[in-house]
Amino acid sequence: IVFPLEVKSGDETHRVQRQEWKMEKFFRSQGYYTLIFDNAKQMKLVKDTSVNKVTVERIQLHGGMVEQFRFERNNGQWVLAGIDHVHASKTGNASFLTFLDKFLDDVAYQSQTIDNPLVYVGPDPEGEDESKVIHTEIPAEEWKDFLPDLPGDVLYNIDYGQTNGSSNQKILMFKGISNGLETQLVFNRNGNDWKLTKLNAQ
């Protein structure tokens, strides 16, 4: 960590001294982390070894605030270089985060915003060969069966340098920390309305 660590909130800047720092465990307690992409091409950045700047976002969905922890790689070593506090409306994922706040919290709303049947790509949930990938459709109400416990008010995102904008598609990825399991929820926007249209399980 680069001390004193610069923490920005709007026009105000505070510098955290080494003795003031408290350990951040981020998403480790939940056993998985989430990522938000505009398209499948951006997902390749996760494995790009040339990336030298990464931002870990802790998103307070209910409050609409985002803490951005900015990491930089200097001479092969990653350091926390600064923290920014911004309102979700100022981020490239603004519309999608507003939608997610309600989607993850309201079962009735989910039933209105999921394609039924839902396109599914992944292992056959009823088959014995887990290596076989199938393309099929599942009842909308089964979408949660392929995910870990859903996040509540707090959602994490890791930005590998991609530019998230007002795209009409968002991919919400759930990735297991220890097991490497990965599930992608593909959302598409029509006008102002977002809808879950596809589930990829790996």
Protein backbone atom coordinates (compact mmCIF):
# COMPACT_ATOMS: atom_id res chain seq x y z
CA ILE A 1 0.00 0.00 0.00
CA VAL A 2 1.28 3.45 -0.87
CA PHE A 3 1.15 5.46 2.37
CA PRO A 4 -0.12 8.01 3.02
CA LEU A 5 -2.98 6.52 0.98
CA GLU A 6 -5.05 9.08 -0.91
CA VAL A 7 -8.81 8.63 -0.44
CA LYS A 8 -11.05 10.86 -2.56
CA SER A 9 -14.73 11.53 -1.93
CA GLY A 10 -16.16 14.11 -4.28
CA ASP A 11 -14.00 17.22 -3.99
CA GLU A 12 -12.54 16.14 -0.65
CA THR A 13 -9.29 14.23 -0.25
CA HIS A 14 -8.17 12.43 2.90
CA ARG A 15 -4.80 10.77 3.39
CA VAL A 16 -4.73 7.58 5.43
CA GLN A 17 -1.57 6.97 7.41
CA ARG A 18 -0.11 3.50 7.88
CA GLN A 19 -1.26 3.28 11.51
CA GLU A 20 -4.84 4.16 10.50
CA TRP A 21 -5.21 1.37 7.94
CA LYS A 22 -7.60 -1.49 8.64
CA MET A 23 -7.42 -4.82 6.80
CA GLU A 24 -9.84 -5.20 3.87
CA LYS A 25 -10.98 -8.76 3.12
CA PHE A 26 -13.29 -7.82 0.26
CA PHE A 27 -15.21 -10.87 -1.02
CA ARG A 28 -13.17 -13.69 0.53
CA SER A 29 -15.82 -14.61 3.12
CA GLN A 30 -18.42 -15.36 0.43
CA GLY A 31 -16.18 -17.74 -1.51
CA TYR A 32 -16.67 -16.12 -4.91
CA TYR A 33 -16.30 -12.80 -6.65
CA THR A 34 -18.32 -11.06 -9.32
CA LEU A 35 -17.32 -9.20 -12.47
CA ILE A 36 -19.33 -7.01 -14.83
CA PHE A 37 -18.53 -6.86 -18.55
CA ASP A 38 -20.17 -5.24 -21.56
CA ASN A 39 -19.37 -8.17 -23.86
CA ALA A 40 -17.52 -11.48 -24.10
CA LYS A 41 -14.43 -9.85 -25.63
CA GLN A 42 -13.77 -7.89 -22.43
CA MET A 43 -13.63 -11.12 -20.43
CA LYS A 44 -10.29 -11.96 -22.07
CA LEU A 45 -8.69 -9.16 -20.02
CA VAL A 46 -8.93 -11.37 -16.92
CA LYS A 47 -6.07 -13.51 -18.31
CA ASP A 48 -4.12 -10.66 -19.91
CA THR A 49 -0.73 -10.57 -18.17
CA SER A 50 0.07 -7.14 -19.64
CA VAL A 51 -2.60 -5.42 -17.52
CA ASN A 52 -0.91 -3.07 -15.04
CA LYS A 53 -3.91 -1.26 -13.55
CA VAL A 54 -6.88 -2.93 -11.85
CA THR A 55 -9.75 -1.41 -9.87
CA VAL A 56 -11.68 -3.44 -7.30
CA GLU A 57 -15.13 -1.92 -6.79
CA ARG A 58 -17.23 -2.45 -3.69
CA ILE A 59 -20.74 -1.47 -4.72
CA GLN A 60 -23.40 -0.54 -2.17
CA LEU A 61 -26.47 -1.28 -4.26
CA HIS A 62 -29.06 0.17 -1.86
CA GLY A 63 -27.11 3.35 -1.19
CA GLY A 64 -25.87 3.78 -4.74
CA MET A 65 -22.25 4.33 -3.70
CA VAL A 66 -19.11 2.71 -5.12
CA GLU A 67 -15.71 2.41 -3.43
CA GLN A 68 -13.01 2.03 -6.05
CA PHE A 69 -9.71 0.56 -4.84
CA ARG A 70 -7.09 1.43 -7.46
CA PHE A 71 -4.21 -1.03 -7.81
CA GLU A 72 -1.15 -0.43 -9.96
CA ARG A 73 1.78 -2.65 -10.88
CA ASN A 74 5.17 -1.02 -10.47
CA ASN A 75 8.34 -2.98 -11.29
CA GLY A 76 6.40 -6.23 -11.10
CA GLN A 77 4.83 -5.47 -7.72
CA TRP A 78 1.14 -4.69 -7.22
CA VAL A 79 0.32 -1.84 -4.84
CA LEU A 80 -2.86 -0.13 -3.67
CA ALA A 81 -2.40 3.41 -4.98
CA GLY A 82 -5.65 5.10 -3.97
CA ILE A 83 -9.34 4.83 -3.16
CA ASP A 84 -12.17 6.80 -4.78
CA HIS A 85 -15.71 7.12 -3.44
CA VAL A 86 -18.14 7.82 -6.27
CA HIS A 87 -21.88 7.65 -6.77
CA ALA A 88 -23.06 4.71 -8.88
CA SER A 89 -24.76 7.17 -11.26
CA LYS A 90 -21.29 8.42 -12.25
CA THR A 91 -20.09 4.99 -13.37
CA GLY A 92 -20.46 3.27 -16.74
CA ASN A 93 -22.68 0.63 -15.12
CA ALA A 94 -25.17 3.15 -13.67
CA SER A 95 -28.38 1.90 -15.33
CA PHE A 96 -27.47 -1.75 -14.80
CA LEU A 97 -26.66 -1.26 -11.11
CA THR A 98 -30.01 0.44 -10.54
CA PHE A 99 -31.68 -2.56 -12.15
CA LEU A 100 -29.60 -5.08 -10.16
CA ASP A 101 -30.52 -3.42 -6.87
CA LYS A 102 -34.14 -4.37 -7.46
CA PHE A 103 -33.52 -7.60 -9.38
CA LEU A 104 -31.47 -9.26 -6.63
CA ASP A 105 -33.89 -8.20 -3.91
CA ASP A 106 -37.36 -8.72 -5.38
CA VAL A 107 -38.57 -12.19 -6.41
CA ALA A 108 -41.70 -10.80 -8.09
CA TYR A 109 -39.58 -8.40 -10.12
CA GLN A 110 -37.28 -11.26 -11.15
CA SER A 111 -40.22 -13.15 -12.63
CA GLN A 112 -40.94 -10.15 -14.86
CA THR A 113 -37.35 -9.64 -15.99
CA ILE A 114 -36.19 -13.16 -16.92
CA ASP A 115 -36.85 -14.79 -20.28
CA ASN A 116 -39.04 -17.84 -19.82
CA PRO A 117 -37.81 -20.29 -20.89
CA LEU A 118 -34.24 -19.12 -20.31
CA VAL A 119 -31.41 -20.05 -22.69
CA TYR A 120 -28.91 -22.30 -20.90
CA VAL A 121 -25.40 -23.35 -21.99
CA GLY A 122 -23.43 -25.67 -19.73
CA PRO A 123 -23.24 -29.19 -18.28
CA ASP A 124 -26.40 -31.24 -18.53
CA PRO A 125 -28.04 -30.79 -15.10
CA GLU A 126 -29.71 -34.17 -15.50
CA GLY A 127 -26.87 -36.04 -17.18
CA GLU A 128 -23.98 -38.07 -15.76
CA ASP A 129 -21.27 -36.69 -18.03
CA GLU A 130 -20.34 -33.29 -16.54
CA SER A 131 -17.87 -32.62 -19.36
CA LYS A 132 -20.64 -32.61 -21.96
CA VAL A 133 -21.90 -29.10 -22.75
CA ILE A 134 -25.47 -28.71 -23.90
CA HIS A 135 -27.42 -25.82 -25.42
CA THR A 136 -30.99 -25.88 -24.20
CA GLU A 137 -33.65 -23.93 -22.35
CA ILE A 138 -34.64 -24.11 -18.68
CA PRO A 139 -37.64 -22.79 -16.75
CA ALA A 140 -36.96 -19.22 -15.59
CA GLU A 141 -37.45 -20.11 -11.92
CA GLU A 142 -34.46 -22.50 -12.03
CA TRP A 143 -31.85 -19.81 -12.72
CA LYS A 144 -30.74 -19.55 -9.07
CA ASP A 145 -29.93 -23.28 -8.96
CA PHE A 146 -26.74 -22.61 -10.93
CA LEU A 147 -25.40 -19.87 -8.66
CA PRO A 148 -23.87 -19.52 -5.18
CA ASP A 149 -25.83 -17.51 -2.63
CA LEU A 150 -26.76 -14.26 -4.31
CA PRO A 151 -25.15 -11.08 -3.01
CA GLY A 152 -27.36 -8.79 -0.96
CA ASP A 153 -26.71 -5.07 -0.69
CA VAL A 154 -22.98 -5.36 -1.47
CA LEU A 155 -21.70 -6.39 -4.89
CA TYR A 156 -18.09 -6.51 -6.04
CA ASN A 157 -16.66 -5.84 -9.46
CA ILE A 158 -13.10 -6.06 -10.74
CA ASP A 159 -12.25 -3.67 -13.54
CA TYR A 160 -9.23 -4.79 -15.59
CA GLY A 161 -9.11 -1.60 -17.63
CA GLN A 162 -12.14 -2.19 -19.79
CA THR A 163 -14.36 0.80 -20.52
CA ASN A 164 -17.87 0.05 -19.28
CA GLY A 165 -20.37 2.34 -20.96
CA SER A 166 -24.07 2.61 -21.67
CA SER A 167 -24.03 -0.74 -23.44
CA ASN A 168 -27.24 -2.61 -24.11
CA GLN A 169 -25.64 -5.81 -22.84
CA LYS A 170 -24.09 -6.65 -19.48
CA ILE A 171 -22.53 -9.93 -18.38
CA LEU A 172 -22.54 -10.57 -14.63
CA MET A 173 -19.98 -13.27 -13.88
CA PHE A 174 -19.81 -15.30 -10.65
CA LYS A 175 -16.40 -16.93 -10.21
CA GLY A 176 -15.51 -19.31 -7.37
CA ILE A 177 -12.32 -18.46 -5.47
CA SER A 178 -11.26 -22.01 -4.61
CA ASN A 179 -13.17 -24.20 -7.08
CA GLY A 180 -12.86 -22.07 -10.21
CA LEU A 181 -16.53 -22.61 -11.07
CA GLU A 182 -17.90 -19.88 -13.28
CA THR A 183 -21.43 -18.80 -14.12
CA GLN A 184 -22.32 -15.97 -16.45
CA LEU A 185 -25.66 -14.17 -16.46
CA VAL A 186 -26.24 -12.32 -19.73
CA PHE A 187 -28.59 -9.34 -19.52
CA ASN A 188 -29.87 -7.30 -22.46
CA ARG A 189 -31.54 -3.91 -22.44
CA ASN A 190 -34.49 -2.91 -24.58
CA GLY A 191 -35.09 0.81 -24.15
CA ASN A 192 -34.81 1.35 -20.39
CA ASP A 193 -35.67 -2.23 -19.45
CA TRP A 194 -33.08 -4.89 -18.58
CA LYS A 195 -33.80 -8.60 -18.87
CA LEU A 196 -31.89 -11.81 -18.10
CA THR A 197 -31.70 -13.63 -21.44
CA LYS A 198 -29.02 -16.32 -21.06
CA LEU A 199 -27.17 -18.37 -18.45
CA ASN A 200 -23.72 -19.86 -19.14
CA ALA A 201 -22.37 -22.37 -16.61
CA GLN A 202 -18.78 -23.65 -16.71
